Amino acid sequence: MAVTCCIRYVLDPYKREAFEEYARRWARIIPKNGGDLIGYFMPHEGTNNIAIALVSFDSLADYETYRARIKADADGKAAFGFAERERFILSEERTFMRPVA
């Protein structure tokens, strides 16, 4: 069964440009490591500190394989390091969704 990982980010609203750079990096890293990136979504109107990423996988097992790959991937390590140094992500949570229709 296909699953979509929905990642909800709480951002520092004064560092949204840094998060956009982070998202652009992951747009290359995710497909290279086995994820199907649906997209990163930034605030447009209303709340200014919430962003969303949607990444699909064929199964939770495929997600676990992907997680291991990105942790070993040089670009993945660099993206994680960038986020840690710049501190634009205040928190994140993951929810795994399945399609209904």
Protein backbone atom coordinates (compact mmCIF):
# COMPACT_ATOMS: atom_id res chain seq x y z
CA MET A 1 0.00 0.00 0.00
CA ALA A 2 1.33 3.44 -0.90
CA VAL A 3 1.89 5.89 1.94
CA THR A 4 2.54 9.61 1.95
CA CYS A 5 4.68 11.15 4.63
CA CYS A 6 3.26 14.54 5.57
CA ILE A 7 5.88 16.63 7.35
CA ARG A 8 4.59 19.72 9.15
CA TYR A 9 7.27 22.27 9.96
CA VAL A 10 7.04 25.13 12.43
CA LEU A 11 9.44 27.77 11.15
CA ASP A 12 11.10 30.87 12.46
CA PRO A 13 9.02 33.34 10.40
CA TYR A 14 12.07 35.58 9.96
CA LYS A 15 14.04 32.76 8.34
CA ARG A 16 11.57 31.55 5.69
CA GLU A 17 14.08 32.20 2.88
CA ALA A 18 16.52 29.79 4.51
CA PHE A 19 13.77 27.15 4.66
CA GLU A 20 13.04 27.70 0.96
CA GLU A 21 16.72 27.01 0.21
CA TYR A 22 16.46 23.87 2.36
CA ALA A 23 13.38 22.73 0.41
CA ARG A 24 15.14 23.30 -2.93
CA ARG A 25 18.02 21.11 -1.73
CA TRP A 26 15.64 18.32 -0.74
CA ALA A 27 13.88 18.54 -4.11
CA ARG A 28 17.04 17.00 -5.57
CA ILE A 29 17.95 14.71 -2.67
CA ILE A 30 14.58 13.01 -2.13
CA PRO A 31 14.13 11.52 -5.63
CA LYS A 32 17.80 10.48 -5.76
CA ASN A 33 17.27 8.40 -2.62
CA GLY A 34 13.96 6.74 -3.48
CA GLY A 35 11.20 9.15 -2.40
CA ASP A 36 8.48 10.50 -4.66
CA LEU A 37 8.37 14.20 -3.75
CA ILE A 38 4.91 15.68 -4.16
CA GLY A 39 6.20 19.05 -2.99
CA TYR A 40 7.15 21.54 -0.34
CA PHE A 41 4.54 24.15 0.47
CA MET A 42 5.24 27.53 2.05
CA PRO A 43 2.82 29.93 3.74
CA HIS A 44 1.09 32.25 1.31
CA GLU A 45 -1.71 33.83 3.29
CA GLY A 46 -2.59 33.57 6.97
CA THR A 47 -0.19 31.77 9.31
CA ASN A 48 3.38 32.72 8.42
CA ASN A 49 5.34 30.01 10.21
CA ILE A 50 3.95 26.67 8.99
CA ALA A 51 5.30 24.75 5.99
CA ILE A 52 4.42 21.30 4.69
CA ALA A 53 6.30 18.65 2.71
CA LEU A 54 4.63 15.63 1.10
CA VAL A 55 6.70 12.61 0.07
CA SER A 56 5.21 9.31 -1.10
CA PHE A 57 6.58 5.78 -0.86
CA ASP A 58 5.31 2.39 -1.97
CA SER A 59 5.37 1.17 1.64
CA LEU A 60 6.61 1.99 5.14
CA ALA A 61 9.50 -0.41 4.49
CA ASP A 62 10.50 1.71 1.49
CA TYR A 63 10.35 4.79 3.72
CA GLU A 64 12.73 3.15 6.22
CA THR A 65 15.15 2.29 3.40
CA TYR A 66 14.94 5.90 2.17
CA ARG A 67 15.67 7.26 5.68
CA ALA A 68 18.82 5.15 5.88
CA ARG A 69 19.93 6.33 2.43
CA ILE A 70 19.49 10.05 3.13
CA LYS A 71 21.40 9.78 6.40
CA ALA A 72 24.34 8.28 4.48
CA ASP A 73 24.01 10.59 1.44
CA ALA A 74 26.55 13.47 1.34
CA ASP A 75 23.93 15.94 0.09
CA GLY A 76 21.48 14.75 2.74
CA LYS A 77 24.08 15.23 5.46
CA ALA A 78 24.81 18.72 4.13
CA ALA A 79 21.11 19.65 4.13
CA PHE A 80 20.65 18.39 7.69
CA GLY A 81 23.77 20.37 8.71
CA PHE A 82 22.45 23.52 7.03
CA ALA A 83 19.18 23.29 8.97
CA GLU A 84 21.02 22.67 12.22
CA ARG A 85 23.37 25.63 11.74
CA GLU A 86 20.73 28.10 10.54
CA ARG A 87 18.04 27.00 13.04
CA PHE A 88 15.06 27.98 10.87
CA ILE A 89 13.04 24.86 11.79
CA LEU A 90 11.63 25.17 15.29
CA SER A 91 9.87 21.80 15.22
CA GLU A 92 8.61 19.18 12.80
CA GLU A 93 6.18 16.30 12.95
CA ARG A 94 5.54 13.41 10.59
CA THR A 95 2.22 11.78 9.83
CA PHE A 96 1.84 8.86 7.43
CA MET A 97 -1.25 9.05 5.27
CA ARG A 98 -2.83 6.55 2.90
CA PRO A 99 -4.92 7.45 -0.14
CA VAL A 100 -8.68 7.07 0.13
CA ALA A 101 -9.66 7.66 -3.48
